[in-house]
Amino acid sequence: METTRHYTATTYVVSEDAVALHEHGRLGKWLPPGGHVERDELPHEAALREVREETGLDVELLAPTDDIASPTVDSLPQPQHLQLADVNVHDEGVGHQHVDFVYYARASNRDVDPASGERAADAWGWFGVDELEDDRFDSDVATIGRQAIETVASQ
């Protein structure tokens, strides 16, 4: 069986010591904003676009770049995590995976106003470090959410 892979970008958006998550109806999981990297995008551009579409927020990515460059090479904003997520798993194996560039971002407010066709604003919640201990959150989402809150608070 051949496994297909797509590149995705996910952003843990933090404001006032809380991270924005929504309950994904089809998956039944609480997730941060994110989605596929389009053919003409770089991962950090997709991260910003997905946040803007899904939440209406303009955010500042906390994504360092290094100083290695040349006339034909630029350094890209670096994700905080790079993950491989199994999406389509069945008896024969894994049919599809996402190579996920995971970023942290700072929002100046919590005024969620999604683009037309996206999840409604009331589908989103803001969760602090203590609230992320709840069993309703997958362990990776809770761990990364806590790390994002701590990172944004320290910068």
C-alpha atoms as a PDB file:
ATOM      1  CA  MET A   1       0.000   0.000   0.000  1.00  0.00           C
ATOM      2  CA  GLU A   2       1.264   3.437  -0.906  1.00  0.00           C
ATOM      3  CA  THR A   3       0.983   6.155   1.726  1.00  0.00           C
ATOM      4  CA  THR A   4       0.161   9.632   0.420  1.00  0.00           C
ATOM      5  CA  ARG A   5       1.354  12.686   2.327  1.00  0.00           C
ATOM      6  CA  HIS A   6       0.261  16.320   2.359  1.00  0.00           C
ATOM      7  CA  TYR A   7       1.921  19.286   4.033  1.00  0.00           C
ATOM      8  CA  THR A   8      -0.163  21.117   6.622  1.00  0.00           C
ATOM      9  CA  ALA A   9       0.343  24.088   8.923  1.00  0.00           C
ATOM     10  CA  THR A  10      -1.122  24.387  12.411  1.00  0.00           C
ATOM     11  CA  THR A  11      -0.946  27.409  14.711  1.00  0.00           C
ATOM     12  CA  TYR A  12      -1.455  27.553  18.458  1.00  0.00           C
ATOM     13  CA  VAL A  13      -2.815  31.085  18.887  1.00  0.00           C
ATOM     14  CA  VAL A  14      -2.310  32.575  22.352  1.00  0.00           C
ATOM     15  CA  SER A  15      -3.953  35.632  23.897  1.00  0.00           C
ATOM     16  CA  GLU A  16      -4.101  36.569  27.574  1.00  0.00           C
ATOM     17  CA  ASP A  17      -2.529  33.273  28.737  1.00  0.00           C
ATOM     18  CA  ALA A  18      -4.991  31.077  26.840  1.00  0.00           C
ATOM     19  CA  VAL A  19      -4.927  29.170  23.549  1.00  0.00           C
ATOM     20  CA  ALA A  20      -7.706  29.123  20.935  1.00  0.00           C
ATOM     21  CA  LEU A  21      -9.182  25.705  20.110  1.00  0.00           C
ATOM     22  CA  HIS A  22     -12.332  24.491  18.362  1.00  0.00           C
ATOM     23  CA  GLU A  23     -14.120  21.175  18.505  1.00  0.00           C
ATOM     24  CA  HIS A  24     -13.773  19.611  15.069  1.00  0.00           C
ATOM     25  CA  GLY A  25     -17.187  18.123  14.270  1.00  0.00           C
ATOM     26  CA  ARG A  26     -16.073  15.329  11.936  1.00  0.00           C
ATOM     27  CA  LEU A  27     -13.063  14.277  14.018  1.00  0.00           C
ATOM     28  CA  GLY A  28     -14.620  14.884  17.429  1.00  0.00           C
ATOM     29  CA  LYS A  29     -11.392  16.462  18.674  1.00  0.00           C
ATOM     30  CA  TRP A  30     -10.409  19.885  19.975  1.00  0.00           C
ATOM     31  CA  LEU A  31      -7.886  21.428  17.573  1.00  0.00           C
ATOM     32  CA  PRO A  32      -6.130  24.713  16.869  1.00  0.00           C
ATOM     33  CA  PRO A  33      -6.504  26.473  13.510  1.00  0.00           C
ATOM     34  CA  GLY A  34      -4.740  24.783  10.641  1.00  0.00           C
ATOM     35  CA  GLY A  35      -4.988  23.225   7.239  1.00  0.00           C
ATOM     36  CA  HIS A  36      -3.224  22.258   4.045  1.00  0.00           C
ATOM     37  CA  VAL A  37      -0.326  24.217   2.596  1.00  0.00           C
ATOM     38  CA  GLU A  38      -1.447  25.343  -0.871  1.00  0.00           C
ATOM     39  CA  ARG A  39       0.782  24.783  -3.912  1.00  0.00           C
ATOM     40  CA  ASP A  40       1.856  28.430  -4.056  1.00  0.00           C
ATOM     41  CA  GLU A  41       2.432  28.865  -0.302  1.00  0.00           C
ATOM     42  CA  LEU A  42       5.218  28.413   2.150  1.00  0.00           C
ATOM     43  CA  PRO A  43       4.311  26.752   5.464  1.00  0.00           C
ATOM     44  CA  HIS A  44       4.425  29.952   7.539  1.00  0.00           C
ATOM     45  CA  GLU A  45       2.203  31.705   4.987  1.00  0.00           C
ATOM     46  CA  ALA A  46      -0.326  28.864   5.215  1.00  0.00           C
ATOM     47  CA  ALA A  47      -0.227  29.108   9.020  1.00  0.00           C
ATOM     48  CA  LEU A  48      -1.126  32.816   8.912  1.00  0.00           C
ATOM     49  CA  ARG A  49      -3.797  32.296   6.227  1.00  0.00           C
ATOM     50  CA  GLU A  50      -5.490  29.465   8.109  1.00  0.00           C
ATOM     51  CA  VAL A  51      -5.585  31.494  11.336  1.00  0.00           C
ATOM     52  CA  ARG A  52      -7.066  34.472   9.486  1.00  0.00           C
ATOM     53  CA  GLU A  53      -9.696  32.348   7.693  1.00  0.00           C
ATOM     54  CA  GLU A  54     -10.719  30.243  10.700  1.00  0.00           C
ATOM     55  CA  THR A  55     -10.580  32.892  13.441  1.00  0.00           C
ATOM     56  CA  GLY A  56     -10.412  36.280  11.710  1.00  0.00           C
ATOM     57  CA  LEU A  57      -7.375  37.105  13.842  1.00  0.00           C
ATOM     58  CA  ASP A  58      -4.203  38.706  12.523  1.00  0.00           C
ATOM     59  CA  VAL A  59      -1.423  37.192  14.592  1.00  0.00           C
ATOM     60  CA  GLU A  60       2.312  37.451  15.093  1.00  0.00           C
ATOM     61  CA  LEU A  61       4.115  34.150  14.541  1.00  0.00           C
ATOM     62  CA  LEU A  62       6.821  33.310  17.052  1.00  0.00           C
ATOM     63  CA  ALA A  63       8.975  31.631  14.454  1.00  0.00           C
ATOM     64  CA  PRO A  64      12.685  32.374  14.476  1.00  0.00           C
ATOM     65  CA  THR A  65      14.789  32.495  11.345  1.00  0.00           C
ATOM     66  CA  ASP A  66      18.482  31.788  11.171  1.00  0.00           C
ATOM     67  CA  ASP A  67      21.037  33.994   9.456  1.00  0.00           C
ATOM     68  CA  ILE A  68      22.100  31.557   6.758  1.00  0.00           C
ATOM     69  CA  ALA A  69      21.406  32.949   3.302  1.00  0.00           C
ATOM     70  CA  SER A  70      22.896  33.434  -0.127  1.00  0.00           C
ATOM     71  CA  PRO A  71      21.748  35.008  -3.397  1.00  0.00           C
ATOM     72  CA  THR A  72      19.624  31.885  -4.002  1.00  0.00           C
ATOM     73  CA  VAL A  73      18.734  30.834  -0.430  1.00  0.00           C
ATOM     74  CA  ASP A  74      16.557  32.483   2.223  1.00  0.00           C
ATOM     75  CA  SER A  75      15.916  31.322   5.755  1.00  0.00           C
ATOM     76  CA  LEU A  76      12.258  30.566   6.487  1.00  0.00           C
ATOM     77  CA  PRO A  77      10.431  31.135   9.776  1.00  0.00           C
ATOM     78  CA  GLN A  78      10.908  27.910  11.699  1.00  0.00           C
ATOM     79  CA  PRO A  79       8.011  25.984  13.224  1.00  0.00           C
ATOM     80  CA  GLN A  80       8.121  25.073  16.890  1.00  0.00           C
ATOM     81  CA  HIS A  81       7.337  21.443  16.027  1.00  0.00           C
ATOM     82  CA  LEU A  82       7.323  19.260  12.937  1.00  0.00           C
ATOM     83  CA  GLN A  83       4.923  16.318  13.232  1.00  0.00           C
ATOM     84  CA  LEU A  84       3.732  13.370  11.198  1.00  0.00           C
ATOM     85  CA  ALA A  85       0.026  12.664  11.709  1.00  0.00           C
ATOM     86  CA  ASP A  86      -1.735   9.506  10.551  1.00  0.00           C
ATOM     87  CA  VAL A  87      -5.010  10.550   8.942  1.00  0.00           C
ATOM     88  CA  ASN A  88      -6.341   7.484   7.151  1.00  0.00           C
ATOM     89  CA  VAL A  89      -5.535   4.274   9.026  1.00  0.00           C
ATOM     90  CA  HIS A  90      -7.012   0.876   8.181  1.00  0.00           C
ATOM     91  CA  ASP A  91      -6.149  -2.823   8.393  1.00  0.00           C
ATOM     92  CA  GLU A  92      -3.679  -2.651   5.502  1.00  0.00           C
ATOM     93  CA  GLY A  93      -1.761   0.250   7.047  1.00  0.00           C
ATOM     94  CA  VAL A  94      -1.678   4.024   6.869  1.00  0.00           C
ATOM     95  CA  GLY A  95      -3.168   5.387   3.666  1.00  0.00           C
ATOM     96  CA  HIS A  96      -2.637   9.102   4.252  1.00  0.00           C
ATOM     97  CA  GLN A  97      -0.506  11.289   6.498  1.00  0.00           C
ATOM     98  CA  HIS A  98      -0.014  14.979   7.191  1.00  0.00           C
ATOM     99  CA  VAL A  99       3.464  16.444   7.591  1.00  0.00           C
ATOM    100  CA  ASP A 100       2.466  19.239   9.959  1.00  0.00           C
ATOM    101  CA  PHE A 101       4.439  22.450  10.527  1.00  0.00           C
ATOM    102  CA  VAL A 102       3.325  23.578  13.994  1.00  0.00           C
ATOM    103  CA  TYR A 103       3.701  27.267  14.906  1.00  0.00           C
ATOM    104  CA  TYR A 104       2.991  29.420  17.955  1.00  0.00           C
ATOM    105  CA  ALA A 105       1.451  32.864  17.547  1.00  0.00           C
ATOM    106  CA  ARG A 106       0.424  35.845  19.646  1.00  0.00           C
ATOM    107  CA  ALA A 107      -2.962  37.512  19.148  1.00  0.00           C
ATOM    108  CA  SER A 108      -3.615  41.003  20.489  1.00  0.00           C
ATOM    109  CA  ASN A 109      -7.237  40.114  21.316  1.00  0.00           C
ATOM    110  CA  ARG A 110      -9.751  37.263  21.467  1.00  0.00           C
ATOM    111  CA  ASP A 111     -12.262  38.687  18.989  1.00  0.00           C
ATOM    112  CA  VAL A 112     -12.888  35.591  16.869  1.00  0.00           C
ATOM    113  CA  ASP A 113     -14.652  36.486  13.608  1.00  0.00           C
ATOM    114  CA  PRO A 114     -14.264  33.617  11.100  1.00  0.00           C
ATOM    115  CA  ALA A 115     -14.478  34.075   7.346  1.00  0.00           C
ATOM    116  CA  SER A 116     -17.681  33.116   5.573  1.00  0.00           C
ATOM    117  CA  GLY A 117     -18.025  29.338   5.322  1.00  0.00           C
ATOM    118  CA  GLU A 118     -15.795  28.642   8.334  1.00  0.00           C
ATOM    119  CA  ARG A 119     -16.842  27.401  11.793  1.00  0.00           C
ATOM    120  CA  ALA A 120     -18.931  29.909  13.729  1.00  0.00           C
ATOM    121  CA  ALA A 121     -17.238  32.116  16.310  1.00  0.00           C
ATOM    122  CA  ASP A 122     -19.021  30.299  19.141  1.00  0.00           C
ATOM    123  CA  ALA A 123     -17.319  27.022  18.092  1.00  0.00           C
ATOM    124  CA  TRP A 124     -14.056  28.451  19.430  1.00  0.00           C
ATOM    125  CA  GLY A 125     -12.918  28.516  23.033  1.00  0.00           C
ATOM    126  CA  TRP A 126      -9.935  29.974  24.864  1.00  0.00           C
ATOM    127  CA  PHE A 127      -8.253  27.559  27.276  1.00  0.00           C
ATOM    128  CA  GLY A 128      -5.639  28.266  29.929  1.00  0.00           C
ATOM    129  CA  VAL A 129      -2.897  25.944  31.157  1.00  0.00           C
ATOM    130  CA  ASP A 130      -5.054  24.405  33.909  1.00  0.00           C
ATOM    131  CA  GLU A 131      -8.031  23.858  31.601  1.00  0.00           C
ATOM    132  CA  LEU A 132      -5.823  21.922  29.159  1.00  0.00           C
ATOM    133  CA  GLU A 133      -5.497  19.186  31.790  1.00  0.00           C
ATOM    134  CA  ASP A 134      -9.080  18.142  30.944  1.00  0.00           C
ATOM    135  CA  ASP A 135      -9.471  14.674  29.361  1.00  0.00           C
ATOM    136  CA  ARG A 136     -11.396  16.097  26.411  1.00  0.00           C
ATOM    137  CA  PHE A 137      -8.085  17.254  24.873  1.00  0.00           C
ATOM    138  CA  ASP A 138      -5.724  14.826  23.142  1.00  0.00           C
ATOM    139  CA  SER A 139      -2.392  14.724  24.950  1.00  0.00           C
ATOM    140  CA  ASP A 140      -0.448  16.273  22.052  1.00  0.00           C
ATOM    141  CA  VAL A 141      -2.873  19.204  21.795  1.00  0.00           C
ATOM    142  CA  ALA A 142      -2.784  19.789  25.559  1.00  0.00           C
ATOM    143  CA  THR A 143       1.009  19.548  25.771  1.00  0.00           C
ATOM    144  CA  ILE A 144       1.650  21.829  22.819  1.00  0.00           C
ATOM    145  CA  GLY A 145      -1.074  24.234  23.989  1.00  0.00           C
ATOM    146  CA  ARG A 146       0.606  24.576  27.385  1.00  0.00           C
ATOM    147  CA  GLN A 147       4.023  25.039  25.742  1.00  0.00           C
ATOM    148  CA  ALA A 148       2.615  27.711  23.428  1.00  0.00           C
ATOM    149  CA  ILE A 149       1.099  29.643  26.344  1.00  0.00           C
ATOM    150  CA  GLU A 150       4.377  29.472  28.280  1.00  0.00           C
ATOM    151  CA  THR A 151       6.443  30.488  25.240  1.00  0.00           C
ATOM    152  CA  VAL A 152       4.253  33.472  24.382  1.00  0.00           C
ATOM    153  CA  ALA A 153       4.231  34.601  28.029  1.00  0.00           C
ATOM    154  CA  SER A 154       8.041  34.523  28.145  1.00  0.00           C
ATOM    155  CA  GLN A 155       8.504  36.679  25.026  1.00  0.00           C
END
